């Protein structure tokens, strides 16, 4: 608490206010993480994609702590009171790979939603939803390229600076970032094959059509949230790059610091809520204390429901 609003001996009313807002989002992040951990303990079955995301996060933080430990070892090894500590940006590179993975996940989700609505809204190519999703996909691909160029820039910078720790660990982190980026796509391909096998034996009953259309309705709600997480990740990377790679004044840094951590906390909140949204135990807990009747989840007998399509099965196979 004593360091709130304090950055290099310079404080401003704006930085102090942002720091308290940052503290609020950090507390809510810990709250959501705690509830999500309880959800994982109570849940009996895990989604394949959820496990992959958890493994991705675990390895990311493992790389992060290894890089921090390596930095400490090299600082003690080459300690010179008259020289600045060695340049070591590999730990920051790990954070970039984590957020690049978030952008990759958002891109895949948007692709699934675009294909879903392109089949449902057949003959409506100028539909507003289709236009929005198409532009979202283009922007997310551009963000992927921007993150890739930023990682390449840090890699070249480490080579030019001839930083021994960075030259040793940078290729490992680049390979780890590539694996993290491909994990969601690999999971999607595996799930698509499994769902195609189920689709061959599936009876197109009215109940199944209803639940597939419910997934599409959920996509309308989740898509803007997931896209916003990707944009927050990009802003987070840009702010971090400005703070750590360029020389800026203390006044600017005092404003960027709380924004930097606040955005990260908001992302944790959003992802935690989305993961809890997929939890059966969480749904049972909410339904137990809700006032609605249990018959509300039954499909309505209506002849206006469109027949199920293959792409709906693809959408259902993805983690979100």
Protein backbone atom coordinates (compact mmCIF):
# COMPACT_ATOMS: atom_id res chain seq x y z
CA UNK A 1 0.00 0.00 0.00
CA UNK A 2 2.91 2.35 0.66
CA UNK A 3 3.99 2.16 -2.97
CA UNK A 4 0.61 3.08 -4.43
CA UNK A 5 0.97 6.03 -6.80
CA UNK A 6 4.77 6.05 -6.39
CA UNK A 7 7.04 5.70 -9.44
CA UNK A 8 10.68 6.83 -9.38
CA UNK A 9 9.92 9.46 -6.77
CA UNK A 10 7.27 11.19 -8.89
CA UNK A 11 3.57 11.23 -8.07
CA UNK A 12 0.57 12.91 -9.64
CA UNK A 13 -3.09 12.95 -8.57
CA UNK A 14 -3.94 11.02 -11.74
CA UNK A 15 -1.33 8.34 -11.03
CA UNK A 16 -2.55 7.97 -7.44
CA UNK A 17 -6.18 7.61 -8.58
CA UNK A 18 -5.23 5.08 -11.25
CA UNK A 19 -3.20 3.13 -8.70
CA UNK A 20 -6.21 2.75 -6.40
CA UNK A 21 -8.32 1.64 -9.37
CA UNK A 22 -5.55 -0.81 -10.21
CA UNK A 23 -5.68 -2.13 -6.64
CA UNK A 24 -9.45 -2.65 -6.96
CA UNK A 25 -9.07 -4.69 -10.16
CA UNK A 26 -6.26 -6.72 -8.60
CA UNK A 27 -8.50 -7.64 -5.66
CA UNK A 28 -11.35 -8.65 -7.99
CA UNK A 29 -8.86 -10.72 -10.01
CA UNK A 30 -7.82 -12.67 -6.93
CA UNK A 31 -11.50 -13.16 -6.09
CA UNK A 32 -12.34 -14.56 -9.53
CA UNK A 33 -9.24 -16.76 -9.51
CA UNK A 34 -10.26 -18.19 -6.12
CA UNK A 35 -13.79 -18.94 -7.31
CA UNK A 36 -12.43 -20.50 -10.50
CA UNK A 37 -10.08 -22.74 -8.49
CA UNK A 38 -13.06 -23.91 -6.42
CA UNK A 39 -14.88 -24.58 -9.70
CA UNK A 40 -12.02 -26.76 -10.95
CA UNK A 41 -12.03 -28.73 -7.69
CA UNK A 42 -15.80 -29.32 -7.85
CA UNK A 43 -15.88 -30.12 -11.57
CA UNK A 44 -15.70 -33.84 -12.33
CA UNK A 45 -14.99 -33.66 -16.06
CA UNK A 46 -12.60 -31.27 -17.79
CA UNK A 47 -12.87 -30.00 -21.32
CA UNK A 48 -9.89 -30.88 -23.51
CA UNK A 49 -9.45 -27.27 -24.55
CA UNK A 50 -9.68 -26.05 -20.96
CA UNK A 51 -6.85 -28.39 -19.98
CA UNK A 52 -4.76 -27.11 -22.90
CA UNK A 53 -5.32 -23.51 -21.81
CA UNK A 54 -4.32 -24.41 -18.24
CA UNK A 55 -1.17 -26.19 -19.45
CA UNK A 56 -0.37 -23.21 -21.66
CA UNK A 57 -0.62 -20.82 -18.71
CA UNK A 58 1.39 -23.13 -16.44
CA UNK A 59 4.26 -23.43 -18.92
CA UNK A 60 4.20 -19.69 -19.56
CA UNK A 61 4.64 -18.90 -15.88
CA UNK A 62 7.26 -21.65 -15.59
CA UNK A 63 9.28 -20.00 -18.38
CA UNK A 64 8.74 -16.65 -16.71
CA UNK A 65 10.12 -17.75 -13.34
CA UNK A 66 13.03 -19.59 -14.99
CA UNK A 67 13.92 -16.39 -16.82
CA UNK A 68 13.73 -14.34 -13.61
CA UNK A 69 15.95 -16.86 -11.81
CA UNK A 70 18.42 -16.84 -14.71
CA UNK A 71 18.48 -13.06 -14.62
CA UNK A 72 19.31 -13.13 -10.90
CA UNK A 73 22.08 -15.69 -11.41
CA UNK A 74 23.71 -13.68 -14.19
CA UNK A 75 23.45 -10.46 -12.20
CA UNK A 76 25.24 -12.12 -9.28
CA UNK A 77 27.75 -13.79 -11.59
CA UNK A 78 28.72 -10.65 -13.50
CA UNK A 79 28.15 -8.29 -10.58
CA UNK A 80 30.06 -5.04 -10.92
CA UNK A 81 29.09 -2.09 -8.73
CA UNK A 82 30.36 0.33 -11.37
CA UNK A 83 28.40 -1.19 -14.26
CA UNK A 84 24.63 -1.41 -14.86
CA UNK A 85 23.03 -4.86 -14.65
CA UNK A 86 23.05 -6.88 -17.91
CA UNK A 87 20.25 -6.34 -20.39
CA UNK A 88 17.72 -9.15 -20.03
CA UNK A 89 14.41 -8.84 -21.85
CA UNK A 90 13.65 -12.55 -22.14
CA UNK A 91 11.23 -12.45 -19.21
CA UNK A 92 9.28 -9.73 -20.98
CA UNK A 93 9.30 -11.84 -24.15
CA UNK A 94 7.55 -14.64 -22.24
CA UNK A 95 4.76 -12.26 -21.29
CA UNK A 96 4.37 -11.27 -24.94
CA UNK A 97 4.01 -14.93 -25.98
CA UNK A 98 1.26 -15.37 -23.39
CA UNK A 99 -0.74 -12.47 -24.77
CA UNK A 100 0.00 -13.55 -28.34
CA UNK A 101 -1.67 -16.84 -27.43
CA UNK A 102 -4.71 -14.90 -26.22
CA UNK A 103 -4.89 -13.11 -29.59
CA UNK A 104 -4.59 -16.45 -31.40
CA UNK A 105 -7.46 -17.91 -29.38
CA UNK A 106 -9.63 -14.89 -30.14
CA UNK A 107 -8.82 -15.16 -33.85
CA UNK A 108 -9.88 -18.83 -33.99
CA UNK A 109 -13.11 -18.10 -32.13
CA UNK A 110 -13.97 -15.27 -34.52
CA UNK A 111 -13.26 -17.57 -37.49
CA UNK A 112 -15.68 -20.16 -36.08
CA UNK A 113 -18.37 -17.55 -35.52
CA UNK A 114 -17.92 -16.11 -39.02
CA UNK A 115 -18.39 -19.55 -40.59
CA UNK A 116 -21.41 -20.19 -38.37
CA UNK A 117 -23.21 -16.99 -39.31
CA UNK A 118 -22.22 -17.30 -42.96
CA UNK A 119 -24.26 -20.52 -43.13
CA UNK A 120 -27.19 -19.30 -41.06
CA UNK A 121 -27.40 -15.96 -42.88
CA UNK A 122 -27.07 -17.50 -46.33
CA UNK A 123 -27.92 -14.98 -49.02
CA UNK A 124 -27.24 -12.08 -46.62
CA UNK A 125 -23.61 -11.30 -47.40
CA UNK A 126 -24.07 -7.65 -46.46
CA UNK A 127 -25.51 -8.52 -43.06
CA UNK A 128 -24.18 -6.19 -40.35
CA UNK A 129 -23.09 -9.11 -38.15
CA UNK A 130 -21.12 -10.70 -40.98
CA UNK A 131 -19.40 -7.40 -41.78
CA UNK A 132 -18.45 -6.84 -38.13
CA UNK A 133 -17.08 -10.37 -37.74
CA UNK A 134 -15.11 -10.13 -40.99
CA UNK A 135 -13.46 -6.87 -39.95
CA UNK A 136 -12.78 -8.30 -36.48
CA UNK A 137 -11.01 -11.26 -38.05
CA UNK A 138 -8.89 -8.98 -40.26
CA UNK A 139 -7.92 -6.77 -37.32
CA UNK A 140 -7.01 -9.77 -35.16
CA UNK A 141 -4.78 -11.21 -37.89
CA UNK A 142 -3.07 -7.80 -38.14
CA UNK A 143 -2.52 -7.87 -34.38
CA UNK A 144 -0.94 -11.31 -34.69
CA UNK A 145 1.55 -9.95 -37.22
CA UNK A 146 2.24 -6.93 -34.99
CA UNK A 147 3.08 -9.18 -32.04
CA UNK A 148 5.27 -11.38 -34.26
CA UNK A 149 7.20 -8.30 -35.47
CA UNK A 150 7.62 -7.12 -31.87
CA UNK A 151 9.07 -10.49 -30.84
CA UNK A 152 11.40 -10.35 -33.86
CA UNK A 153 12.47 -6.83 -32.83
CA UNK A 154 13.36 -7.98 -29.32
CA UNK A 155 15.26 -10.94 -30.75
CA UNK A 156 17.34 -8.70 -33.06
CA UNK A 157 17.93 -6.26 -30.20
CA UNK A 158 19.35 -9.06 -28.05
CA UNK A 159 21.69 -10.13 -30.87
CA UNK A 160 22.94 -6.57 -31.43
CA UNK A 161 23.45 -6.00 -27.70
CA UNK A 162 25.30 -9.36 -27.47
CA UNK A 163 23.58 -10.09 -24.20
CA UNK A 164 24.74 -13.57 -23.19
CA UNK A 165 21.61 -14.52 -21.19
CA UNK A 166 19.35 -13.32 -23.96
CA UNK A 167 21.29 -15.13 -26.70
CA UNK A 168 21.04 -18.38 -24.72
CA UNK A 169 17.35 -18.26 -23.86
CA UNK A 170 15.79 -16.20 -26.68
CA UNK A 171 15.60 -19.16 -29.16
CA UNK A 172 13.93 -21.26 -26.44
CA UNK A 173 11.31 -18.58 -25.83
CA UNK A 174 10.70 -18.08 -29.54
CA UNK A 175 10.10 -21.83 -29.91
CA UNK A 176 7.85 -21.80 -26.85
CA UNK A 177 5.86 -18.89 -28.27
CA UNK A 178 5.39 -20.77 -31.55
CA UNK A 179 4.14 -23.87 -29.70
CA UNK A 180 1.75 -21.78 -27.59
CA UNK A 181 0.38 -20.13 -30.72
CA UNK A 182 -0.25 -23.49 -32.41
CA UNK A 183 -1.83 -25.25 -29.41
CA UNK A 184 -5.35 -23.83 -29.93
CA UNK A 185 -5.29 -24.71 -33.63
CA UNK A 186 -4.14 -28.27 -32.91
CA UNK A 187 -6.91 -28.65 -30.32
CA UNK A 188 -9.47 -27.35 -32.81
CA UNK A 189 -8.41 -29.88 -35.47
CA UNK A 190 -8.58 -32.77 -33.00
CA UNK A 191 -12.02 -31.74 -31.80
CA UNK A 192 -13.31 -31.27 -35.35
CA UNK A 193 -12.37 -34.85 -36.23
CA UNK A 194 -14.07 -36.19 -33.11
CA UNK A 195 -17.21 -34.13 -33.73
CA UNK A 196 -17.38 -35.24 -37.36
CA UNK A 197 -17.48 -38.85 -36.19
CA UNK A 198 -20.35 -37.99 -33.85
CA UNK A 199 -22.10 -36.08 -36.62
CA UNK A 200 -22.27 -39.19 -38.79
CA UNK A 201 -24.32 -41.00 -36.13
CA UNK A 202 -26.33 -37.98 -35.04
CA UNK A 203 -30.09 -37.91 -35.48
CA UNK A 204 -31.19 -34.41 -36.44
CA UNK A 205 -33.87 -34.17 -33.80
CA UNK A 206 -35.62 -30.96 -32.86
CA UNK A 207 -33.91 -30.97 -29.47
CA UNK A 208 -30.42 -31.11 -31.01
CA UNK A 209 -31.22 -28.30 -33.45
CA UNK A 210 -32.46 -26.17 -30.58
CA UNK A 211 -29.29 -26.55 -28.53
CA UNK A 212 -27.05 -25.83 -31.53
CA UNK A 213 -28.91 -22.59 -32.15
CA UNK A 214 -28.51 -21.79 -28.45
CA UNK A 215 -24.75 -22.04 -28.98
CA UNK A 216 -25.00 -19.51 -31.79
CA UNK A 217 -26.93 -17.16 -29.52
CA UNK A 218 -24.22 -17.55 -26.89
CA UNK A 219 -21.65 -16.69 -29.56
CA UNK A 220 -23.33 -13.34 -30.12
CA UNK A 221 -22.68 -12.52 -26.46
CA UNK A 222 -19.21 -14.03 -26.08
CA UNK A 223 -17.68 -12.79 -29.33
CA UNK A 224 -17.42 -9.08 -28.34
CA UNK A 225 -15.99 -10.11 -24.95
CA UNK A 226 -13.30 -12.33 -26.48
CA UNK A 227 -12.39 -9.72 -29.10
CA UNK A 228 -12.10 -7.09 -26.36
CA UNK A 229 -9.66 -9.34 -24.48
CA UNK A 230 -7.51 -9.54 -27.62
CA UNK A 231 -7.51 -5.76 -27.99
CA UNK A 232 -6.67 -5.33 -24.30
CA UNK A 233 -3.76 -7.73 -24.79
CA UNK A 234 -2.43 -5.64 -27.66
CA UNK A 235 -2.72 -2.40 -25.68
CA UNK A 236 -1.02 -4.17 -22.75
CA UNK A 237 1.91 -5.20 -24.97
CA UNK A 238 2.27 -1.71 -26.45
CA UNK A 239 2.27 -0.02 -23.03
CA UNK A 240 4.80 -2.52 -21.70
CA UNK A 241 7.07 -1.99 -24.71
CA UNK A 242 6.95 1.78 -24.26
CA UNK A 243 7.72 1.45 -20.55
CA UNK A 244 10.60 -1.03 -20.81
CA UNK A 245 12.15 -0.40 -24.23
CA UNK A 246 12.07 3.38 -24.62
CA UNK A 247 13.25 6.24 -22.44
CA UNK A 248 10.25 8.15 -21.11
CA UNK A 249 9.73 10.73 -18.39
CA UNK A 250 8.79 9.84 -14.83
CA UNK A 251 5.47 11.62 -15.23
CA UNK A 252 4.45 9.48 -18.21
CA UNK A 253 5.70 6.32 -16.49
CA UNK A 254 3.68 7.11 -13.36
CA UNK A 255 0.53 7.08 -15.52
CA UNK A 256 1.45 4.06 -17.66
CA UNK A 257 2.32 1.82 -14.70
CA UNK A 258 -1.17 1.59 -13.14
CA UNK A 259 -2.78 1.35 -16.60
CA UNK A 260 -0.37 -1.47 -17.41
CA UNK A 261 -1.36 -3.63 -14.43
CA UNK A 262 -5.01 -2.59 -14.51
CA UNK A 263 -5.48 -3.93 -18.05
CA UNK A 264 -3.84 -7.20 -17.04
CA UNK A 265 -6.19 -7.55 -14.06
CA UNK A 266 -9.25 -6.87 -16.24
CA UNK A 267 -8.10 -9.61 -18.62
CA UNK A 268 -7.83 -12.06 -15.73
CA UNK A 269 -11.37 -11.16 -14.66
CA UNK A 270 -12.81 -11.69 -18.15
CA UNK A 271 -11.04 -15.00 -18.77
CA UNK A 272 -12.01 -16.30 -15.32
CA UNK A 273 -15.66 -15.42 -15.89
CA UNK A 274 -15.63 -17.10 -19.32
CA UNK A 275 -14.11 -20.28 -17.90
CA UNK A 276 -16.65 -20.34 -15.07
CA UNK A 277 -19.35 -19.86 -17.71
CA UNK A 278 -18.35 -23.26 -19.15
CA UNK A 279 -18.44 -25.02 -15.78
CA UNK A 280 -21.30 -27.43 -15.11
CA UNK A 281 -20.84 -27.10 -11.35
CA UNK A 282 -21.08 -23.30 -11.61
CA UNK A 283 -24.32 -23.61 -13.64
CA UNK A 284 -25.79 -26.00 -11.08
CA UNK A 285 -24.91 -23.59 -8.27
CA UNK A 286 -26.56 -20.66 -10.05
CA UNK A 287 -29.66 -22.67 -10.97
CA UNK A 288 -30.00 -23.90 -7.39
CA UNK A 289 -30.29 -20.34 -6.06
CA UNK A 290 -32.25 -18.87 -8.97
CA UNK A 291 -35.98 -18.17 -9.02
CA UNK A 292 -36.56 -19.54 -12.51
CA UNK A 293 -38.33 -22.81 -13.14
CA UNK A 294 -36.49 -25.90 -14.26
CA UNK A 295 -38.70 -26.20 -17.32
CA UNK A 296 -37.21 -23.10 -18.91
CA UNK A 297 -34.29 -25.10 -20.33
CA UNK A 298 -36.57 -27.42 -22.31
CA UNK A 299 -36.66 -26.78 -26.07
CA UNK A 300 -39.69 -25.06 -27.43
CA UNK A 301 -41.75 -27.00 -29.93
CA UNK A 302 -41.57 -24.74 -32.93
CA UNK A 303 -41.43 -25.52 -36.62
CA UNK A 304 -39.35 -22.41 -37.41
CA UNK A 305 -36.06 -23.83 -36.17
CA UNK A 306 -33.55 -24.23 -39.00
CA UNK A 307 -32.02 -27.66 -39.61
CA UNK A 308 -28.68 -28.35 -37.97
CA UNK A 309 -25.61 -27.65 -40.09
CA UNK A 310 -22.10 -29.07 -40.03
CA UNK A 311 -20.57 -25.74 -39.08
CA UNK A 312 -22.70 -25.61 -35.92
CA UNK A 313 -21.00 -28.81 -34.86
CA UNK A 314 -17.62 -27.18 -35.56
CA UNK A 315 -18.55 -24.23 -33.39
CA UNK A 316 -19.69 -26.50 -30.57
CA UNK A 317 -16.34 -28.28 -30.65
CA UNK A 318 -14.35 -25.20 -29.67
CA UNK A 319 -13.49 -24.46 -26.04
CA UNK A 320 -15.62 -21.35 -25.59
